[in-house]
Amino acid sequence: MSETRILQKKSLGELFAKLTAAGQRLLAPVKEGELLNFAEVKTPEQVALDYIQTRSSAKLATFPPYEPLLRYKFNGKDVEQQPAEPDKRPTVLFGAHPCDAASFATLKAVFTWDSQDAQFETRLANLTIIGLACKKADAYCFCTSVGGGPGDTRGSDMLLTPIDAERFLVEVLTPKGQAVVAAAPQLFTPAGNETKDKVLAKVAPRFSADKLKEKLPAAFGNNAVWVEQSLRCLGCGACAFVCPTCSCFDIQDERNREGGTRLRCWDSCGFSLFTLHASGHNPRHVQSERWRQRVMHKFSYQPERLGVLGCVGCGRCSRTCPVDMNLAEHAQALAEMKA
């Protein structure tokens, strides 16, 4: 159902106003000091449109760093509990790059594989993604190695490509995207012969995800490889917290004598406590085993069990790592490893 339109950049203010008036919350890349993060905005002047990558990923639109699952209070010997109401706010995620838009397929596969997660599903159902194609990339980008690309439309309801200083080429991809056009139809004019290919960033493939998936089962027991790759790893979890597809979480209670709140909060398989048993045994007791788990999970376990890769090639993990561990380099080495 894809169709193309033209949107003038000067019309973004009117579009934002129409969406806000319709009750939509707007999330977009915002410059915060030297960093870019997704945050709530009201006007296009707040939005950073010319960027390579944000620090935080777009997953926070459906899977926030922490959220209440239920609230409870003590009534004598009884406990009264009330499930937390899912966040139903209609939200437009504006200006997310194609790698971020593609990440929601992985998150959905995780949060719906055996049962429906009410918190995630409600947020996703009320989310409209207006993606922004990439005109720039850096050495950390490797989307083309994992099936994506600077102009990839997967996951977006509407994809904008800046074809010149004044105009976006608009690809309307889903009914949610059509609803955006319907909110301000006068802003979206018919497209002519405009194409996006010439303006997109160039990202050369670094490795074959299919070949990597084939190699990983045999590499599992090669401890020397995992030790070498993980020697610098601090186990800080920064890579997981900026990753758009990492979905590990912990459940904690915050309480007092009257009651409390049960919270879901981000966690990481790179933490030493992640697999620690109550007995004191830890099946992944050294960092090399935790690094192996991270790689296997993204490139072997999830494709095998859920049919989706656990990586979209955004490069955030490598940009953020304080000791310069580079996932693309490690994946390339594993894919090229001889049997």
Protein backbone atom coordinates (compact mmCIF):
# COMPACT_ATOMS: atom_id res chain seq x y z
CA MET A 1 0.00 0.00 0.00
CA SER A 2 3.04 2.25 -0.25
CA GLU A 3 2.48 5.63 -1.90
CA THR A 4 4.70 8.68 -2.21
CA ARG A 5 4.11 12.34 -1.44
CA ILE A 6 6.13 15.53 -1.03
CA LEU A 7 6.22 17.43 2.27
CA GLN A 8 7.84 20.85 2.57
CA LYS A 9 10.16 21.15 5.56
CA LYS A 10 8.57 24.51 6.39
CA SER A 11 5.25 22.68 6.80
CA LEU A 12 6.46 20.61 9.76
CA GLY A 13 5.23 23.22 12.23
CA GLU A 14 1.68 22.98 10.91
CA LEU A 15 1.89 19.18 10.86
CA PHE A 16 3.07 19.09 14.47
CA ALA A 17 0.26 21.44 15.47
CA LYS A 18 -2.34 19.23 13.76
CA LEU A 19 -1.01 16.09 15.43
CA THR A 20 -0.87 17.75 18.84
CA ALA A 21 -4.40 19.08 18.44
CA ALA A 22 -5.52 15.54 17.66
CA GLY A 23 -4.19 14.43 21.04
CA GLN A 24 -0.92 12.90 19.87
CA ARG A 25 2.18 13.03 22.06
CA LEU A 26 5.30 13.70 19.96
CA LEU A 27 8.64 12.02 20.68
CA ALA A 28 11.67 13.02 18.60
CA PRO A 29 15.48 13.33 18.69
CA VAL A 30 16.44 16.29 20.86
CA LYS A 31 19.93 17.71 21.44
CA GLU A 32 20.83 17.66 25.12
CA GLY A 33 24.27 19.21 25.52
CA GLU A 34 26.59 17.15 23.36
CA LEU A 35 24.18 14.22 23.19
CA LEU A 36 20.98 13.38 21.32
CA ASN A 37 18.11 11.60 23.04
CA PHE A 38 14.48 10.92 22.28
CA ALA A 39 12.28 13.29 24.24
CA GLU A 40 8.82 14.83 24.11
CA VAL A 41 8.56 17.86 21.81
CA LYS A 42 5.95 20.38 20.74
CA THR A 43 7.55 22.13 17.75
CA PRO A 44 9.93 21.09 14.94
CA GLU A 45 12.45 23.68 16.16
CA GLN A 46 13.14 21.35 19.10
CA VAL A 47 13.93 18.41 16.81
CA ALA A 48 17.40 17.44 15.60
CA LEU A 49 16.92 16.34 11.99
CA ASP A 50 20.55 16.25 10.81
CA TYR A 51 22.12 13.53 12.92
CA ILE A 52 23.83 10.17 12.61
CA GLN A 53 22.54 8.49 15.75
CA THR A 54 20.89 9.26 19.07
CA ARG A 55 22.33 7.98 22.33
CA SER A 56 19.08 6.52 23.64
CA SER A 57 17.12 4.19 21.39
CA ALA A 58 13.50 4.43 20.34
CA LYS A 59 12.50 1.35 22.34
CA LEU A 60 11.62 3.58 25.28
CA ALA A 61 8.41 4.47 23.41
CA THR A 62 7.10 0.95 24.07
CA PHE A 63 9.51 -0.45 26.67
CA PRO A 64 10.54 2.32 29.09
CA PRO A 65 13.50 2.03 31.49
CA TYR A 66 11.10 1.32 34.34
CA GLU A 67 7.34 0.98 34.60
CA PRO A 68 4.82 -0.14 37.23
CA LEU A 69 3.20 -3.55 36.74
CA LEU A 70 0.96 -3.47 39.79
CA ARG A 71 0.36 -1.61 43.02
CA TYR A 72 -0.54 -3.22 46.32
CA LYS A 73 -1.39 -2.31 49.90
CA PHE A 74 -1.58 -4.30 53.11
CA ASN A 75 -4.91 -4.65 54.84
CA GLY A 76 -4.31 -6.67 57.98
CA LYS A 77 -3.30 -10.14 56.81
CA ASP A 78 -4.64 -9.50 53.33
CA VAL A 79 -2.90 -7.90 50.36
CA GLU A 80 -4.98 -5.82 48.00
CA GLN A 81 -3.47 -5.46 44.56
CA GLN A 82 -4.36 -3.47 41.49
CA PRO A 83 -2.72 -4.02 38.08
CA ALA A 84 -1.17 -0.88 36.63
CA GLU A 85 -3.18 0.63 33.82
CA PRO A 86 -1.32 0.36 30.48
CA ASP A 87 -0.15 3.62 28.96
CA LYS A 88 -2.72 4.36 26.24
CA ARG A 89 -1.43 7.78 25.15
CA PRO A 90 -1.47 8.11 21.34
CA THR A 91 2.15 8.79 20.43
CA VAL A 92 3.99 9.77 17.28
CA LEU A 93 7.66 8.79 17.17
CA PHE A 94 9.10 11.35 14.74
CA GLY A 95 12.53 11.27 13.12
CA ALA A 96 13.63 7.78 14.16
CA HIS A 97 16.14 6.26 11.75
CA PRO A 98 15.26 3.02 9.92
CA CYS A 99 17.33 0.90 12.32
CA ASP A 100 15.21 2.11 15.24
CA ALA A 101 11.97 1.58 13.33
CA ALA A 102 13.01 -1.98 12.46
CA SER A 103 13.77 -2.77 16.10
CA PHE A 104 10.10 -2.88 17.07
CA ALA A 105 9.65 -6.16 15.16
CA THR A 106 12.26 -7.77 17.41
CA LEU A 107 10.69 -6.33 20.56
CA LYS A 108 7.25 -7.49 19.47
CA ALA A 109 8.52 -11.01 18.82
CA VAL A 110 9.92 -11.14 22.37
CA PHE A 111 6.98 -9.60 24.21
CA THR A 112 4.30 -11.63 22.39
CA TRP A 113 5.95 -14.99 21.74
CA ASP A 114 4.12 -16.96 24.45
CA SER A 115 1.60 -14.48 25.87
CA GLN A 116 0.51 -10.93 25.22
CA ASP A 117 2.28 -8.29 27.30
CA ALA A 118 -0.42 -5.71 28.01
CA GLN A 119 1.99 -2.85 28.72
CA PHE A 120 4.04 -3.33 25.54
CA GLU A 121 1.14 -4.21 23.24
CA THR A 122 -0.92 -1.20 24.32
CA ARG A 123 1.95 1.22 23.74
CA LEU A 124 2.75 -0.31 20.34
CA ALA A 125 -0.87 -0.23 19.22
CA ASN A 126 -1.01 3.49 20.01
CA LEU A 127 2.35 4.29 18.38
CA THR A 128 2.80 5.83 14.94
CA ILE A 129 6.34 5.86 13.57
CA ILE A 130 7.38 8.62 11.19
CA GLY A 131 10.86 7.48 10.25
CA LEU A 132 13.70 9.57 8.86
CA ALA A 133 16.02 8.04 6.25
CA CYS A 134 19.76 8.41 6.82
CA LYS A 135 21.78 10.84 4.73
CA LYS A 136 24.87 10.32 6.91
CA ALA A 137 26.53 7.33 8.54
CA ASP A 138 29.75 6.63 10.39
CA ALA A 139 32.14 3.72 10.90
CA TYR A 140 29.92 2.25 13.61
CA CYS A 141 26.86 1.82 11.37
CA PHE A 142 26.35 -1.70 10.02
CA CYS A 143 22.62 -1.89 9.23
CA THR A 144 23.28 -3.43 5.81
CA SER A 145 24.95 -6.42 7.49
CA VAL A 146 21.71 -7.35 9.27
CA GLY A 147 19.15 -6.85 6.52
CA GLY A 148 18.55 -3.12 6.89
CA GLY A 149 19.65 0.02 5.13
CA PRO A 150 19.67 3.82 5.32
CA GLY A 151 16.35 3.98 3.45
CA ASP A 152 14.77 0.81 4.84
CA THR A 153 11.01 1.16 5.31
CA ARG A 154 10.48 -1.75 7.72
CA GLY A 155 8.72 -0.70 10.88
CA SER A 156 7.88 2.82 9.74
CA ASP A 157 4.31 3.90 9.14
CA MET A 158 5.70 6.80 7.12
CA LEU A 159 9.29 7.37 6.01
CA LEU A 160 10.68 10.84 5.28
CA THR A 161 13.75 11.27 3.11
CA PRO A 162 15.29 14.77 2.82
CA ILE A 163 15.77 15.00 -0.94
CA ASP A 164 16.94 18.63 -0.85
CA ALA A 165 17.16 21.56 1.55
CA GLU A 166 13.44 22.27 1.40
CA ARG A 167 11.56 19.00 0.81
CA PHE A 168 10.99 15.50 2.12
CA LEU A 169 10.05 12.60 -0.08
CA VAL A 170 7.32 10.88 1.94
CA GLU A 171 6.59 7.16 1.69
CA VAL A 172 3.19 6.39 3.21
CA LEU A 173 3.38 2.75 4.24
CA THR A 174 0.53 1.78 6.58
CA PRO A 175 -2.97 2.87 7.63
CA LYS A 176 -1.36 4.75 10.53
CA GLY A 177 0.73 6.65 7.99
CA GLN A 178 -2.39 7.39 5.95
CA ALA A 179 -4.00 8.77 9.11
CA VAL A 180 -1.13 11.25 9.45
CA VAL A 181 -1.74 12.44 5.88
CA ALA A 182 -5.46 12.68 6.59
CA ALA A 183 -4.76 14.94 9.58
CA ALA A 184 -3.30 17.61 7.24
CA PRO A 185 -3.88 16.53 3.61
CA GLN A 186 -3.07 19.99 2.23
CA LEU A 187 0.56 19.58 3.35
CA PHE A 188 1.22 16.43 1.34
CA THR A 189 1.43 17.08 -2.39
CA PRO A 190 1.82 14.50 -5.16
CA ALA A 191 5.35 13.32 -5.85
CA GLY A 192 6.85 13.48 -9.30
CA ASN A 193 9.97 11.62 -10.37
CA GLU A 194 11.80 12.26 -7.11
CA THR A 195 13.83 9.33 -5.78
CA LYS A 196 15.74 8.82 -2.56
CA ASP A 197 18.58 6.56 -3.67
CA LYS A 198 21.05 9.30 -4.58
CA VAL A 199 20.81 11.08 -1.21
CA LEU A 200 21.01 8.07 1.11
CA ALA A 201 24.10 7.31 3.16
CA LYS A 202 26.42 4.58 1.94
CA VAL A 203 26.89 1.72 4.41
CA ALA A 204 28.97 -1.18 3.12
CA PRO A 205 28.12 -4.62 4.53
CA ARG A 206 30.61 -5.82 7.14
CA PHE A 207 29.54 -9.45 7.46
CA SER A 208 26.79 -11.88 6.49
CA ALA A 209 24.26 -12.43 9.28
CA ASP A 210 23.30 -15.77 7.71
CA LYS A 211 26.91 -16.94 7.68
CA LEU A 212 27.36 -15.76 11.26
CA LYS A 213 24.29 -17.73 12.35
CA GLU A 214 25.74 -20.84 10.72
CA LYS A 215 29.11 -20.42 12.44
CA LEU A 216 27.92 -19.68 15.97
CA PRO A 217 26.77 -23.16 17.14
CA ALA A 218 30.22 -24.60 16.44
CA ALA A 219 31.89 -21.57 18.01
CA PHE A 220 29.98 -21.93 21.27
CA GLY A 221 32.59 -24.20 22.87
CA ASN A 222 35.60 -22.23 21.59
CA ASN A 223 36.38 -20.55 24.89
CA ALA A 224 39.54 -18.92 23.57
CA VAL A 225 37.52 -16.84 21.09
CA TRP A 226 35.10 -15.56 23.71
CA VAL A 227 37.84 -14.82 26.21
CA GLU A 228 39.81 -12.85 23.63
CA GLN A 229 36.76 -10.84 22.55
CA SER A 230 35.65 -10.07 26.11
CA LEU A 231 38.96 -9.21 27.77
CA ARG A 232 38.14 -5.50 27.84
CA CYS A 233 34.49 -5.89 28.85
CA LEU A 234 33.66 -4.18 32.16
CA GLY A 235 30.19 -5.66 32.48
CA CYS A 236 28.77 -2.15 32.82
CA GLY A 237 25.60 -2.84 30.81
CA ALA A 238 25.83 0.38 28.77
CA CYS A 239 25.51 -1.59 25.52
CA ALA A 240 22.22 -3.15 26.61
CA PHE A 241 20.74 0.11 27.88
CA VAL A 242 21.28 1.95 24.58
CA CYS A 243 20.36 -1.05 22.39
CA PRO A 244 16.99 -0.77 20.61
CA THR A 245 16.38 -4.54 20.73
CA CYS A 246 17.69 -5.63 24.14
CA SER A 247 14.69 -6.70 26.20
CA CYS A 248 16.10 -8.17 29.41
CA PHE A 249 14.32 -6.88 32.49
CA ASP A 250 14.19 -7.37 36.23
CA ILE A 251 11.19 -7.07 38.54
CA GLN A 252 11.61 -5.18 41.80
CA ASP A 253 9.31 -4.04 44.59
CA GLU A 254 9.40 -0.58 46.10
CA ARG A 255 7.43 -0.75 49.35
CA ASN A 256 6.82 0.56 52.82
CA ARG A 257 4.66 -0.65 55.71
CA GLU A 258 1.43 0.34 53.94
CA GLY A 259 2.13 -1.25 50.54
CA GLY A 260 4.15 -0.71 47.43
CA THR A 261 4.64 -0.90 43.67
CA ARG A 262 6.00 -3.75 41.59
CA LEU A 263 8.23 -2.38 38.84
CA ARG A 264 9.69 -3.77 35.64
CA CYS A 265 13.10 -2.24 34.93
CA TRP A 266 15.80 -2.77 32.33
CA ASP A 267 18.45 -5.38 33.04
CA SER A 268 21.37 -6.86 31.11
CA CYS A 269 22.77 -10.34 30.51
CA GLY A 270 26.19 -8.67 30.81
CA PHE A 271 25.73 -8.10 34.55
CA SER A 272 27.41 -10.61 36.85
CA LEU A 273 24.25 -10.89 38.96
CA PHE A 274 21.94 -11.55 36.02
CA THR A 275 22.11 -15.36 36.25
CA LEU A 276 23.17 -15.71 39.88
CA HIS A 277 21.08 -18.43 41.56
CA ALA A 278 19.83 -18.24 45.14
CA SER A 279 22.19 -21.15 45.87
CA GLY A 280 25.16 -18.98 44.97
CA HIS A 281 25.83 -20.87 41.73
CA ASN A 282 26.22 -18.76 38.60
CA PRO A 283 26.02 -20.69 35.29
CA ARG A 284 27.72 -17.77 33.53
CA HIS A 285 30.22 -16.82 36.19
CA VAL A 286 32.84 -15.12 34.01
CA GLN A 287 32.52 -12.23 31.57
CA SER A 288 33.51 -14.28 28.52
CA GLU A 289 30.45 -16.48 29.03
CA ARG A 290 28.23 -13.43 29.38
CA TRP A 291 29.66 -11.91 26.20
CA ARG A 292 29.06 -15.21 24.40
CA GLN A 293 25.47 -15.15 25.59
CA ARG A 294 24.96 -11.65 24.22
CA VAL A 295 26.28 -12.56 20.77
CA MET A 296 24.52 -15.94 20.62
CA HIS A 297 21.24 -14.43 21.75
CA LYS A 298 21.24 -11.73 19.08
CA PHE A 299 22.53 -13.69 16.12
CA SER A 300 21.59 -17.33 16.84
CA TYR A 301 18.96 -17.91 19.53
CA GLN A 302 16.47 -15.21 18.52
CA PRO A 303 16.61 -15.97 14.77
CA GLU A 304 16.16 -19.66 15.52
CA ARG A 305 13.37 -19.36 18.09
CA LEU A 306 11.56 -16.16 17.11
CA GLY A 307 12.46 -15.69 13.45
CA VAL A 308 14.04 -12.26 13.97
CA LEU A 309 17.57 -10.98 14.44
CA GLY A 310 18.33 -9.39 17.79
CA CYS A 311 20.41 -6.64 16.17
CA VAL A 312 19.56 -3.84 13.73
CA GLY A 313 23.10 -2.55 13.17
CA CYS A 314 22.61 0.87 14.75
CA GLY A 315 26.12 0.81 16.28
CA ARG A 316 25.03 2.40 19.57
CA CYS A 317 26.65 -0.33 21.66
CA SER A 318 30.06 0.29 20.10
CA ARG A 319 29.75 4.09 20.26
CA THR A 320 28.78 3.94 23.93
CA CYS A 321 31.23 1.27 25.13
CA PRO A 322 33.78 2.89 27.47
CA VAL A 323 36.48 0.39 26.42
CA ASP A 324 35.77 0.46 22.66
CA MET A 325 34.37 -3.05 22.18
CA ASN A 326 33.00 -3.13 18.65
CA LEU A 327 30.17 -5.57 17.99
CA ALA A 328 30.45 -5.36 14.21
CA GLU A 329 34.16 -6.20 14.34
CA HIS A 330 33.56 -9.16 16.64
CA ALA A 331 30.64 -10.40 14.51
CA GLN A 332 32.75 -10.11 11.38
CA ALA A 333 35.57 -12.09 12.99
CA LEU A 334 33.17 -14.83 14.05
CA ALA A 335 31.52 -15.00 10.61
CA GLU A 336 34.93 -15.36 8.95
CA MET A 337 36.31 -17.82 11.51
CA LYS A 338 37.52 -21.06 9.99
CA ALA A 339 36.03 -24.29 11.28
